[in-house]
Amino acid sequence: MGLIKNAEKTIYYFRIQNLDAAFRTSVTILNDFTNVFSMYLQESAYFNEDKIRYTQESLMNICQLLLEAQESKDCVLLADYYELYLLAL
């Protein structure tokens, strides 16, 4: 399953308070995001053809925010970050 589908599923789990399922799929999301980040680094010219939309620094900041929210187990913030940052990718 892809990053966006996992993010949508996890957001749903957080919203209905199924925290066990949400945190289990959060691990998958972080792995998927790592893969997307690696692909971005290899193909950054393609992703930024029209204008600079994502930089290495902005993707690292997103990753840091996700990790901090997950470590603090802030379910509302984590769901918001998934919605705001990952669904926009």
Protein backbone atom coordinates (compact mmCIF):
# COMPACT_ATOMS: atom_id res chain seq x y z
CA MET A 1 0.00 0.00 0.00
CA GLY A 2 1.30 3.47 -0.79
CA LEU A 3 2.14 6.44 1.35
CA ILE A 4 -1.08 8.35 0.61
CA LYS A 5 -3.37 5.36 1.23
CA ASN A 6 -1.58 4.59 4.50
CA ALA A 7 -1.82 8.23 5.56
CA GLU A 8 -5.55 8.32 4.80
CA LYS A 9 -6.12 5.09 6.72
CA THR A 10 -4.07 6.31 9.69
CA ILE A 11 -5.87 9.66 9.80
CA TYR A 12 -9.14 7.75 9.89
CA TYR A 13 -7.90 5.52 12.72
CA PHE A 14 -6.78 8.55 14.74
CA ARG A 15 -10.08 10.35 14.18
CA ILE A 16 -12.12 7.35 15.43
CA GLN A 17 -9.70 6.86 18.34
CA ASN A 18 -8.43 3.46 17.19
CA LEU A 19 -4.97 4.37 18.46
CA ASP A 20 -3.44 0.89 18.32
CA ALA A 21 -4.15 0.56 14.59
CA ALA A 22 -3.15 4.19 14.00
CA PHE A 23 0.27 3.82 15.61
CA ARG A 24 0.87 0.51 13.83
CA THR A 25 0.24 2.11 10.45
CA SER A 26 2.29 5.15 11.47
CA VAL A 27 5.41 2.99 11.41
CA THR A 28 4.61 2.03 7.82
CA ILE A 29 4.08 5.68 6.92
CA LEU A 30 7.49 6.67 8.26
CA ASN A 31 9.10 3.86 6.25
CA ASP A 32 7.19 4.93 3.13
CA PHE A 33 8.16 8.56 3.70
CA THR A 34 11.81 7.53 3.99
CA ASN A 35 11.53 5.77 0.63
CA VAL A 36 9.90 8.82 -0.95
CA PHE A 37 12.61 11.03 0.50
CA SER A 38 15.34 8.79 -0.95
CA MET A 39 13.64 8.83 -4.34
CA TYR A 40 13.33 12.60 -4.15
CA LEU A 41 17.05 12.98 -3.48
CA GLN A 42 17.85 10.88 -6.54
CA GLU A 43 15.33 12.62 -8.82
CA SER A 44 15.10 16.13 -7.38
CA ALA A 45 15.41 17.81 -10.80
CA TYR A 46 12.23 16.05 -11.95
CA PHE A 47 10.23 17.03 -8.87
CA ASN A 48 11.24 20.68 -9.12
CA GLU A 49 10.92 21.25 -12.88
CA ASP A 50 8.35 24.05 -12.76
CA LYS A 51 9.33 25.68 -9.51
CA ILE A 52 10.95 24.67 -6.27
CA ARG A 53 8.14 23.03 -4.37
CA TYR A 54 10.10 20.77 -2.07
CA THR A 55 13.64 21.11 -0.92
CA GLN A 56 15.71 18.61 0.98
CA GLU A 57 15.39 20.86 4.02
CA SER A 58 11.59 21.09 3.81
CA LEU A 59 11.27 17.30 3.55
CA MET A 60 13.60 16.86 6.51
CA ASN A 61 11.48 19.33 8.50
CA ILE A 62 8.33 17.34 7.70
CA CYS A 63 10.04 14.15 8.79
CA GLN A 64 11.20 15.79 12.03
CA LEU A 65 7.70 17.06 12.82
CA LEU A 66 6.21 13.61 12.21
CA LEU A 67 8.80 11.92 14.40
CA GLU A 68 8.36 14.41 17.25
CA ALA A 69 4.57 14.07 17.19
CA GLN A 70 4.83 10.28 17.10
CA GLU A 71 7.35 10.15 19.94
CA SER A 72 5.12 12.36 22.11
CA LYS A 73 2.10 10.24 21.07
CA ASP A 74 0.16 13.39 20.21
CA CYS A 75 -2.60 11.74 18.21
CA VAL A 76 -4.42 14.89 17.16
CA LEU A 77 -1.25 16.63 16.02
CA LEU A 78 0.01 13.56 14.20
CA ALA A 79 -3.27 13.16 12.30
CA ASP A 80 -3.17 16.86 11.42
CA TYR A 81 0.43 16.59 10.17
CA TYR A 82 -0.42 13.57 8.04
CA GLU A 83 -3.34 15.43 6.55
CA LEU A 84 -1.46 18.69 6.05
CA TYR A 85 1.90 17.43 4.83
CA LEU A 86 1.56 13.91 3.44
CA LEU A 87 -1.71 14.22 1.58
CA ALA A 88 -0.30 17.33 -0.11
CA LEU A 89 2.60 15.34 -1.58
